[in-house]
Amino acid sequence: GRALLPASPAPYPEAYGGGPAPPPPRLRPEASEATLAPGTLLSICPLLVEDGEAAQYRRDLGESLPLYAAEGLVHPATIAGLGNSALKDNLSLGPWMHVGSRIEHLAAARIGDELTVRACVTANYEKKGHRFVDLEAFVFAKGTTLVARLDHLSIYRLRPAAG
């Protein structure tokens, strides 16, 4: 990985709309070229980050830096995982794979914050027999504080096995 500071944060697109994101569908359709068409908006079920779960997550990661607990900060890996949530909360997925993310952290998310996401499919394409989807996702704390911007890449349909 690499870490760097941008000259300025990416602007939040007006096309994503203001206010709270609409909830994910109760019945999740199958992931496809149609349900993941560019321009499709996605959200997540709000995630309340509580102290016990945050501490367990840090232990599961093997995180030894005391900063997160001492300052009451949500671990950056939690933020990164919200791109996965945007897919899982909205669509029925078979075997799939998170390929990579580019994350721009804009503010601290704190233990006790409710995190939400507004995401947009920016690309859906085939490469080497796999179906890929690119998302641009904006993470908010408490509904209004823009915490991070993610470019999230996943394979949502693996190519058929040979033979």
N, C-alpha and C. Protein backbone atom coordinates (compact mmCIF):
# COMPACT_ATOMS: atom_id res chain seq x y z
N GLY A 1 0.81 -1.18 0.00
CA GLY A 1 0.00 0.00 0.00
C GLY A 1 0.86 1.25 0.00
N ARG A 2 0.21 2.35 -0.28
CA ARG A 2 0.85 3.66 -0.24
C ARG A 2 -0.07 4.62 0.50
N ALA A 3 0.53 5.62 1.12
CA ALA A 3 -0.24 6.68 1.76
C ALA A 3 0.29 8.01 1.28
N LEU A 4 -0.62 8.90 0.93
CA LEU A 4 -0.22 10.23 0.50
C LEU A 4 -1.37 11.19 0.74
N LEU A 5 -1.04 12.46 0.74
CA LEU A 5 -2.06 13.49 0.92
C LEU A 5 -2.40 14.10 -0.43
N PRO A 6 -3.68 14.15 -0.79
CA PRO A 6 -4.05 14.80 -2.06
C PRO A 6 -3.95 16.31 -1.93
N ALA A 7 -3.84 16.98 -3.07
CA ALA A 7 -3.82 18.44 -3.08
C ALA A 7 -5.11 18.99 -2.48
N SER A 8 -6.22 18.35 -2.80
CA SER A 8 -7.52 18.72 -2.22
C SER A 8 -8.42 17.50 -2.29
N PRO A 9 -9.36 17.38 -1.34
CA PRO A 9 -10.25 16.21 -1.37
C PRO A 9 -11.16 16.21 -2.59
N ALA A 10 -11.51 15.01 -3.03
CA ALA A 10 -12.45 14.89 -4.15
C ALA A 10 -13.80 15.46 -3.74
N PRO A 11 -14.46 16.19 -4.61
CA PRO A 11 -15.75 16.76 -4.25
C PRO A 11 -16.82 15.67 -4.20
N TYR A 12 -17.81 15.90 -3.36
CA TYR A 12 -18.94 14.99 -3.28
C TYR A 12 -19.89 15.31 -4.43
N PRO A 13 -20.15 14.35 -5.31
CA PRO A 13 -20.99 14.63 -6.49
C PRO A 13 -22.43 14.96 -6.11
N GLU A 14 -22.95 16.04 -6.65
CA GLU A 14 -24.35 16.43 -6.40
C GLU A 14 -25.31 15.37 -6.92
N ALA A 15 -24.89 14.61 -7.92
CA ALA A 15 -25.77 13.59 -8.49
C ALA A 15 -26.12 12.51 -7.47
N TYR A 16 -25.33 12.38 -6.40
CA TYR A 16 -25.61 11.36 -5.38
C TYR A 16 -26.74 11.79 -4.47
N GLY A 17 -27.13 13.04 -4.55
CA GLY A 17 -28.25 13.54 -3.76
C GLY A 17 -27.84 13.88 -2.35
N GLY A 18 -28.62 14.72 -1.72
CA GLY A 18 -28.37 15.09 -0.34
C GLY A 18 -29.24 14.29 0.60
N GLY A 19 -29.01 14.46 1.87
CA GLY A 19 -29.82 13.77 2.87
C GLY A 19 -29.44 12.32 2.98
N PRO A 20 -30.18 11.59 3.80
CA PRO A 20 -29.83 10.19 4.01
C PRO A 20 -30.03 9.36 2.74
N ALA A 21 -29.19 8.36 2.59
CA ALA A 21 -29.30 7.45 1.45
C ALA A 21 -30.54 6.58 1.62
N PRO A 22 -31.20 6.23 0.53
CA PRO A 22 -32.31 5.29 0.65
C PRO A 22 -31.78 3.94 1.14
N PRO A 23 -32.57 3.21 1.89
CA PRO A 23 -32.08 1.93 2.41
C PRO A 23 -31.89 0.91 1.29
N PRO A 24 -31.02 -0.08 1.53
CA PRO A 24 -30.88 -1.16 0.56
C PRO A 24 -32.21 -1.91 0.41
N PRO A 25 -32.39 -2.60 -0.71
CA PRO A 25 -33.66 -3.32 -0.93
C PRO A 25 -33.81 -4.48 0.05
N ARG A 26 -35.05 -4.78 0.42
CA ARG A 26 -35.30 -5.92 1.31
C ARG A 26 -35.02 -7.23 0.59
N LEU A 27 -35.42 -7.31 -0.67
CA LEU A 27 -35.12 -8.48 -1.48
C LEU A 27 -34.00 -8.10 -2.43
N ARG A 28 -32.83 -8.66 -2.20
CA ARG A 28 -31.66 -8.28 -2.98
C ARG A 28 -31.65 -9.02 -4.31
N PRO A 29 -31.63 -8.29 -5.44
CA PRO A 29 -31.56 -8.95 -6.74
C PRO A 29 -30.16 -9.54 -6.96
N GLU A 30 -30.08 -10.47 -7.89
CA GLU A 30 -28.80 -11.08 -8.23
C GLU A 30 -27.89 -10.04 -8.89
N ALA A 31 -26.62 -10.08 -8.53
CA ALA A 31 -25.64 -9.18 -9.15
C ALA A 31 -25.53 -9.52 -10.63
N SER A 32 -25.64 -8.51 -11.48
CA SER A 32 -25.58 -8.72 -12.93
C SER A 32 -25.17 -7.43 -13.60
N GLU A 33 -25.01 -7.51 -14.89
CA GLU A 33 -24.69 -6.31 -15.66
C GLU A 33 -25.80 -5.27 -15.51
N ALA A 34 -27.05 -5.72 -15.39
CA ALA A 34 -28.19 -4.80 -15.28
C ALA A 34 -28.28 -4.19 -13.87
N THR A 35 -28.11 -5.02 -12.83
CA THR A 35 -28.26 -4.50 -11.46
C THR A 35 -27.02 -3.73 -11.00
N LEU A 36 -25.92 -3.88 -11.71
CA LEU A 36 -24.70 -3.13 -11.43
C LEU A 36 -24.31 -2.25 -12.61
N ALA A 37 -25.31 -1.71 -13.29
CA ALA A 37 -25.05 -0.83 -14.43
C ALA A 37 -24.42 0.47 -13.93
N PRO A 38 -23.50 1.05 -14.70
CA PRO A 38 -22.93 2.34 -14.31
C PRO A 38 -24.05 3.35 -14.03
N GLY A 39 -23.86 4.08 -12.94
CA GLY A 39 -24.86 5.05 -12.51
C GLY A 39 -25.79 4.51 -11.43
N THR A 40 -25.79 3.20 -11.19
CA THR A 40 -26.62 2.62 -10.15
C THR A 40 -26.15 3.10 -8.78
N LEU A 41 -27.08 3.60 -7.97
CA LEU A 41 -26.75 4.07 -6.63
C LEU A 41 -26.96 2.95 -5.62
N LEU A 42 -26.04 2.86 -4.67
CA LEU A 42 -26.09 1.84 -3.62
C LEU A 42 -25.93 2.52 -2.27
N SER A 43 -26.41 1.87 -1.23
CA SER A 43 -26.23 2.35 0.14
C SER A 43 -25.94 1.14 1.02
N ILE A 44 -25.81 1.36 2.32
CA ILE A 44 -25.63 0.24 3.24
C ILE A 44 -26.67 0.34 4.35
N CYS A 45 -26.87 -0.77 5.04
CA CYS A 45 -27.62 -0.71 6.29
C CYS A 45 -26.71 0.05 7.25
N PRO A 46 -27.19 1.09 7.91
CA PRO A 46 -26.31 1.87 8.79
C PRO A 46 -25.57 0.98 9.78
N LEU A 47 -24.31 1.31 10.01
CA LEU A 47 -23.44 0.55 10.90
C LEU A 47 -23.13 1.40 12.12
N LEU A 48 -23.65 1.00 13.30
CA LEU A 48 -23.31 1.67 14.55
C LEU A 48 -22.04 1.01 15.07
N VAL A 49 -20.96 1.76 15.16
CA VAL A 49 -19.68 1.22 15.60
C VAL A 49 -19.63 1.33 17.12
N GLU A 50 -19.77 0.18 17.78
CA GLU A 50 -19.76 0.15 19.24
C GLU A 50 -18.40 -0.32 19.73
N ASP A 51 -18.07 0.06 20.97
CA ASP A 51 -16.74 -0.18 21.52
C ASP A 51 -16.36 -1.66 21.53
N GLY A 52 -17.25 -2.52 21.98
CA GLY A 52 -16.92 -3.95 22.07
C GLY A 52 -16.59 -4.57 20.72
N GLU A 53 -17.43 -4.27 19.74
CA GLU A 53 -17.20 -4.80 18.40
C GLU A 53 -15.93 -4.22 17.78
N ALA A 54 -15.68 -2.93 18.02
CA ALA A 54 -14.47 -2.29 17.49
C ALA A 54 -13.22 -2.92 18.10
N ALA A 55 -13.26 -3.19 19.40
CA ALA A 55 -12.12 -3.82 20.08
C ALA A 55 -11.88 -5.22 19.54
N GLN A 56 -12.97 -5.99 19.35
CA GLN A 56 -12.82 -7.35 18.80
C GLN A 56 -12.26 -7.31 17.38
N TYR A 57 -12.72 -6.35 16.59
CA TYR A 57 -12.23 -6.20 15.21
C TYR A 57 -10.73 -5.93 15.21
N ARG A 58 -10.28 -5.03 16.11
CA ARG A 58 -8.84 -4.74 16.19
C ARG A 58 -8.06 -5.99 16.59
N ARG A 59 -8.61 -6.77 17.53
CA ARG A 59 -7.94 -8.03 17.92
C ARG A 59 -7.88 -8.99 16.74
N ASP A 60 -9.00 -9.11 16.02
CA ASP A 60 -9.03 -10.01 14.86
C ASP A 60 -8.01 -9.61 13.80
N LEU A 61 -7.79 -8.31 13.65
CA LEU A 61 -6.81 -7.81 12.69
C LEU A 61 -5.38 -7.97 13.18
N GLY A 62 -5.22 -8.16 14.48
CA GLY A 62 -3.88 -8.18 15.05
C GLY A 62 -3.32 -6.78 15.22
N GLU A 63 -4.21 -5.79 15.32
CA GLU A 63 -3.80 -4.40 15.45
C GLU A 63 -3.23 -4.16 16.85
N SER A 64 -1.98 -3.76 16.93
CA SER A 64 -1.34 -3.53 18.22
C SER A 64 -1.16 -2.05 18.55
N LEU A 65 -1.41 -1.17 17.62
CA LEU A 65 -1.27 0.26 17.87
C LEU A 65 -2.37 0.71 18.83
N PRO A 66 -2.02 1.25 20.00
CA PRO A 66 -3.04 1.63 20.98
C PRO A 66 -3.83 2.88 20.61
N LEU A 67 -3.43 3.58 19.59
CA LEU A 67 -4.06 4.84 19.20
C LEU A 67 -5.57 4.72 19.02
N TYR A 68 -6.03 3.68 18.34
CA TYR A 68 -7.45 3.56 18.01
C TYR A 68 -8.31 3.47 19.26
N ALA A 69 -7.91 2.63 20.22
CA ALA A 69 -8.68 2.51 21.46
C ALA A 69 -8.53 3.76 22.31
N ALA A 70 -7.31 4.28 22.44
CA ALA A 70 -7.06 5.43 23.30
C ALA A 70 -7.82 6.67 22.82
N GLU A 71 -7.93 6.85 21.51
CA GLU A 71 -8.58 8.04 20.95
C GLU A 71 -10.04 7.78 20.55
N GLY A 72 -10.50 6.52 20.69
CA GLY A 72 -11.88 6.19 20.33
C GLY A 72 -12.14 6.28 18.84
N LEU A 73 -11.13 5.87 18.04
CA LEU A 73 -11.23 5.97 16.59
C LEU A 73 -11.66 4.65 15.95
N VAL A 74 -12.46 4.74 14.93
CA VAL A 74 -12.81 3.57 14.13
C VAL A 74 -11.58 3.20 13.30
N HIS A 75 -11.25 1.93 13.27
CA HIS A 75 -10.08 1.47 12.52
C HIS A 75 -10.30 1.70 11.03
N PRO A 76 -9.27 2.14 10.29
CA PRO A 76 -9.41 2.38 8.85
C PRO A 76 -9.87 1.15 8.06
N ALA A 77 -9.56 -0.04 8.54
CA ALA A 77 -10.02 -1.25 7.83
C ALA A 77 -11.54 -1.37 7.87
N THR A 78 -12.16 -0.84 8.90
CA THR A 78 -13.62 -0.82 8.97
C THR A 78 -14.16 0.04 7.84
N ILE A 79 -13.55 1.19 7.63
CA ILE A 79 -13.97 2.09 6.55
C ILE A 79 -13.80 1.41 5.20
N ALA A 80 -12.66 0.74 5.02
CA ALA A 80 -12.40 0.05 3.75
C ALA A 80 -13.45 -1.02 3.48
N GLY A 81 -13.88 -1.72 4.51
CA GLY A 81 -14.86 -2.79 4.35
C GLY A 81 -16.25 -2.32 3.96
N LEU A 82 -16.51 -1.03 4.08
CA LEU A 82 -17.85 -0.53 3.74
C LEU A 82 -18.13 -0.57 2.24
N GLY A 83 -17.10 -0.61 1.42
CA GLY A 83 -17.31 -0.83 -0.01
C GLY A 83 -17.89 -2.21 -0.26
N ASN A 84 -17.38 -3.20 0.49
CA ASN A 84 -17.93 -4.55 0.41
C ASN A 84 -19.39 -4.55 0.86
N SER A 85 -19.68 -3.81 1.93
CA SER A 85 -21.06 -3.75 2.44
C SER A 85 -22.01 -3.17 1.41
N ALA A 86 -21.54 -2.19 0.63
CA ALA A 86 -22.40 -1.60 -0.39
C ALA A 86 -22.84 -2.66 -1.40
N LEU A 87 -21.96 -3.59 -1.72
CA LEU A 87 -22.34 -4.68 -2.62
C LEU A 87 -23.22 -5.71 -1.90
N LYS A 88 -22.78 -6.19 -0.73
CA LYS A 88 -23.49 -7.26 -0.02
C LYS A 88 -24.88 -6.84 0.45
N ASP A 89 -25.04 -5.57 0.84
CA ASP A 89 -26.34 -5.12 1.35
C ASP A 89 -27.36 -4.91 0.25
N ASN A 90 -26.92 -4.78 -1.00
CA ASN A 90 -27.82 -4.45 -2.10
C ASN A 90 -28.08 -5.59 -3.07
N LEU A 91 -27.17 -6.57 -3.11
CA LEU A 91 -27.25 -7.59 -4.16
C LEU A 91 -27.01 -8.98 -3.60
N SER A 92 -27.58 -9.95 -4.26
CA SER A 92 -27.30 -11.34 -3.96
C SER A 92 -26.05 -11.73 -4.77
N LEU A 93 -25.02 -12.14 -4.06
CA LEU A 93 -23.73 -12.44 -4.70
C LEU A 93 -23.39 -13.91 -4.54
N GLY A 94 -22.87 -14.50 -5.59
CA GLY A 94 -22.27 -15.82 -5.49
C GLY A 94 -20.84 -15.63 -5.01
N PRO A 95 -19.94 -16.56 -5.35
CA PRO A 95 -18.54 -16.34 -5.00
C PRO A 95 -18.04 -15.04 -5.65
N TRP A 96 -17.40 -14.20 -4.87
CA TRP A 96 -16.92 -12.91 -5.37
C TRP A 96 -15.66 -12.54 -4.62
N MET A 97 -15.00 -11.47 -5.07
CA MET A 97 -13.70 -11.12 -4.51
C MET A 97 -13.48 -9.61 -4.54
N HIS A 98 -13.09 -9.06 -3.40
CA HIS A 98 -12.66 -7.66 -3.34
C HIS A 98 -11.25 -7.63 -3.89
N VAL A 99 -11.01 -6.82 -4.92
CA VAL A 99 -9.71 -6.79 -5.59
C VAL A 99 -8.83 -5.66 -5.05
N GLY A 100 -9.41 -4.52 -4.76
CA GLY A 100 -8.60 -3.42 -4.25
C GLY A 100 -9.42 -2.18 -3.99
N SER A 101 -8.82 -1.29 -3.21
CA SER A 101 -9.48 -0.02 -2.89
C SER A 101 -8.45 1.09 -2.87
N ARG A 102 -8.91 2.25 -3.23
CA ARG A 102 -8.16 3.49 -3.03
C ARG A 102 -9.04 4.31 -2.11
N ILE A 103 -8.48 4.72 -0.97
CA ILE A 103 -9.27 5.39 0.05
C ILE A 103 -8.68 6.74 0.36
N GLU A 104 -9.54 7.73 0.40
CA GLU A 104 -9.18 9.08 0.78
C GLU A 104 -9.89 9.37 2.10
N HIS A 105 -9.13 9.39 3.20
CA HIS A 105 -9.71 9.68 4.52
C HIS A 105 -9.82 11.19 4.67
N LEU A 106 -11.01 11.65 5.05
CA LEU A 106 -11.29 13.08 5.11
C LEU A 106 -11.58 13.57 6.52
N ALA A 107 -12.01 12.69 7.40
CA ALA A 107 -12.29 13.04 8.79
C ALA A 107 -12.24 11.75 9.60
N ALA A 108 -12.12 11.90 10.91
CA ALA A 108 -12.07 10.73 11.78
C ALA A 108 -13.49 10.22 12.04
N ALA A 109 -13.65 8.92 11.98
CA ALA A 109 -14.87 8.27 12.44
C ALA A 109 -14.58 7.79 13.86
N ARG A 110 -15.53 7.98 14.75
CA ARG A 110 -15.31 7.67 16.16
C ARG A 110 -16.22 6.54 16.63
N ILE A 111 -15.73 5.83 17.63
CA ILE A 111 -16.55 4.79 18.26
C ILE A 111 -17.83 5.47 18.73
N GLY A 112 -18.96 4.84 18.44
CA GLY A 112 -20.26 5.41 18.77
C GLY A 112 -20.93 6.08 17.59
N ASP A 113 -20.16 6.34 16.53
CA ASP A 113 -20.74 6.93 15.32
C ASP A 113 -21.53 5.88 14.55
N GLU A 114 -22.60 6.33 13.91
CA GLU A 114 -23.31 5.50 12.94
C GLU A 114 -22.75 5.86 11.57
N LEU A 115 -22.27 4.85 10.85
CA LEU A 115 -21.68 5.06 9.53
C LEU A 115 -22.68 4.68 8.45
N THR A 116 -22.74 5.50 7.42
CA THR A 116 -23.59 5.23 6.26
C THR A 116 -22.74 5.43 5.00
N VAL A 117 -23.24 4.91 3.90
CA VAL A 117 -22.52 5.00 2.62
C VAL A 117 -23.50 5.36 1.52
N ARG A 118 -23.07 6.24 0.63
CA ARG A 118 -23.74 6.49 -0.65
C ARG A 118 -22.71 6.13 -1.70
N ALA A 119 -23.03 5.18 -2.54
CA ALA A 119 -22.09 4.69 -3.55
C ALA A 119 -22.74 4.71 -4.92
N CYS A 120 -21.89 4.75 -5.93
CA CYS A 120 -22.36 4.74 -7.31
C CYS A 120 -21.47 3.79 -8.11
N VAL A 121 -22.10 2.96 -8.91
CA VAL A 121 -21.34 2.10 -9.82
C VAL A 121 -20.75 2.99 -10.91
N THR A 122 -19.43 2.93 -11.06
CA THR A 122 -18.77 3.75 -12.08
C THR A 122 -18.37 2.93 -13.30
N ALA A 123 -18.25 1.61 -13.16
CA ALA A 123 -17.92 0.75 -14.30
C ALA A 123 -18.33 -0.68 -14.00
N ASN A 124 -18.64 -1.41 -15.06
CA ASN A 124 -18.97 -2.84 -14.99
C ASN A 124 -18.44 -3.43 -16.28
N TYR A 125 -17.50 -4.36 -16.17
CA TYR A 125 -16.83 -4.85 -17.38
C TYR A 125 -16.30 -6.27 -17.18
N GLU A 126 -15.96 -6.88 -18.30
CA GLU A 126 -15.39 -8.22 -18.31
C GLU A 126 -13.89 -8.11 -18.59
N LYS A 127 -13.11 -8.90 -17.86
CA LYS A 127 -11.68 -8.97 -18.08
C LYS A 127 -11.22 -10.38 -17.74
N LYS A 128 -10.62 -11.05 -18.73
CA LYS A 128 -10.13 -12.42 -18.56
C LYS A 128 -11.23 -13.36 -18.06
N GLY A 129 -12.46 -13.12 -18.51
CA GLY A 129 -13.58 -13.98 -18.16
C GLY A 129 -14.27 -13.63 -16.85
N HIS A 130 -13.71 -12.74 -16.04
CA HIS A 130 -14.33 -12.30 -14.80
C HIS A 130 -15.18 -11.06 -15.06
N ARG A 131 -16.24 -10.86 -14.26
CA ARG A 131 -17.03 -9.62 -14.31
C ARG A 131 -16.60 -8.75 -13.14
N PHE A 132 -16.17 -7.54 -13.47
CA PHE A 132 -15.70 -6.58 -12.48
C PHE A 132 -16.72 -5.47 -12.31
N VAL A 133 -16.72 -4.88 -11.11
CA VAL A 133 -17.51 -3.69 -10.84
C VAL A 133 -16.63 -2.70 -10.08
N ASP A 134 -16.69 -1.46 -10.50
CA ASP A 134 -16.01 -0.36 -9.81
C ASP A 134 -17.08 0.49 -9.13
N LEU A 135 -16.83 0.83 -7.87
CA LEU A 135 -17.72 1.72 -7.13
C LEU A 135 -16.96 2.95 -6.68
N GLU A 136 -17.64 4.07 -6.66
CA GLU A 136 -17.17 5.24 -5.95
C GLU A 136 -18.10 5.37 -4.76
N ALA A 137 -17.54 5.36 -3.56
CA ALA A 137 -18.37 5.36 -2.36
C ALA A 137 -17.94 6.49 -1.42
N PHE A 138 -18.93 7.12 -0.81
CA PHE A 138 -18.69 8.18 0.17
C PHE A 138 -19.22 7.69 1.51
N VAL A 139 -18.37 7.74 2.53
CA VAL A 139 -18.71 7.26 3.87
C VAL A 139 -18.99 8.46 4.76
N PHE A 140 -20.12 8.39 5.46
CA PHE A 140 -20.53 9.47 6.36
C PHE A 140 -20.65 8.94 7.78
N ALA A 141 -20.28 9.78 8.74
CA ALA A 141 -20.52 9.51 10.15
C ALA A 141 -21.65 10.42 10.60
N LYS A 142 -22.56 9.86 11.38
CA LYS A 142 -23.70 10.61 11.91
C LYS A 142 -24.53 11.26 10.80
N GLY A 143 -24.49 10.70 9.60
CA GLY A 143 -25.32 11.17 8.50
C GLY A 143 -24.84 12.39 7.76
N THR A 144 -23.92 13.16 8.36
CA THR A 144 -23.54 14.42 7.74
C THR A 144 -22.04 14.64 7.59
N THR A 145 -21.23 13.99 8.40
CA THR A 145 -19.78 14.22 8.35
C THR A 145 -19.16 13.29 7.32
N LEU A 146 -18.62 13.86 6.25
CA LEU A 146 -17.98 13.07 5.21
C LEU A 146 -16.64 12.57 5.76
N VAL A 147 -16.54 11.26 5.92
CA VAL A 147 -15.38 10.62 6.55
C VAL A 147 -14.36 10.15 5.51
N ALA A 148 -14.84 9.58 4.42
CA ALA A 148 -13.91 8.99 3.44
C ALA A 148 -14.57 8.87 2.08
N ARG A 149 -13.72 8.82 1.07
CA ARG A 149 -14.12 8.52 -0.29
C ARG A 149 -13.36 7.27 -0.71
N LEU A 150 -14.07 6.28 -1.26
CA LEU A 150 -13.45 5.03 -1.67
C LEU A 150 -13.67 4.80 -3.16
N ASP A 151 -12.62 4.37 -3.85
CA ASP A 151 -12.75 3.75 -5.16
C ASP A 151 -12.58 2.26 -4.86
N HIS A 152 -13.60 1.49 -5.13
CA HIS A 152 -13.66 0.10 -4.68
C HIS A 152 -13.82 -0.81 -5.90
N LEU A 153 -12.94 -1.77 -6.05
CA LEU A 153 -12.95 -2.69 -7.20
C LEU A 153 -13.19 -4.11 -6.72
N SER A 154 -14.15 -4.78 -7.33
CA SER A 154 -14.48 -6.16 -6.98
C SER A 154 -14.76 -6.97 -8.23
N ILE A 155 -14.49 -8.27 -8.14
CA ILE A 155 -14.98 -9.23 -9.12
C ILE A 155 -16.27 -9.79 -8.53
N TYR A 156 -17.38 -9.52 -9.18
CA TYR A 156 -18.65 -9.99 -8.64
C TYR A 156 -19.10 -11.30 -9.29
N ARG A 157 -18.48 -11.69 -10.38
CA ARG A 157 -18.76 -13.00 -10.99
C ARG A 157 -17.45 -13.55 -11.51
N LEU A 158 -17.03 -14.67 -10.92
CA LEU A 158 -15.79 -15.32 -11.35
C LEU A 158 -16.03 -16.07 -12.65
N ARG A 159 -14.99 -16.16 -13.47
CA ARG A 159 -15.12 -16.90 -14.72
C ARG A 159 -15.36 -18.38 -14.39
N PRO A 160 -16.06 -19.07 -15.28
CA PRO A 160 -16.30 -20.50 -15.04
C PRO A 160 -14.98 -21.26 -14.97
N ALA A 161 -14.97 -22.29 -14.14
CA ALA A 161 -13.78 -23.13 -14.01
C ALA A 161 -13.55 -23.88 -15.31
N ALA A 162 -12.29 -24.02 -15.68
CA ALA A 162 -11.93 -24.77 -16.91
C ALA A 162 -12.19 -26.25 -16.70
N GLY A 163 -12.63 -26.91 -17.77
CA GLY A 163 -12.80 -28.37 -17.74
C GLY A 163 -14.04 -28.76 -17.08
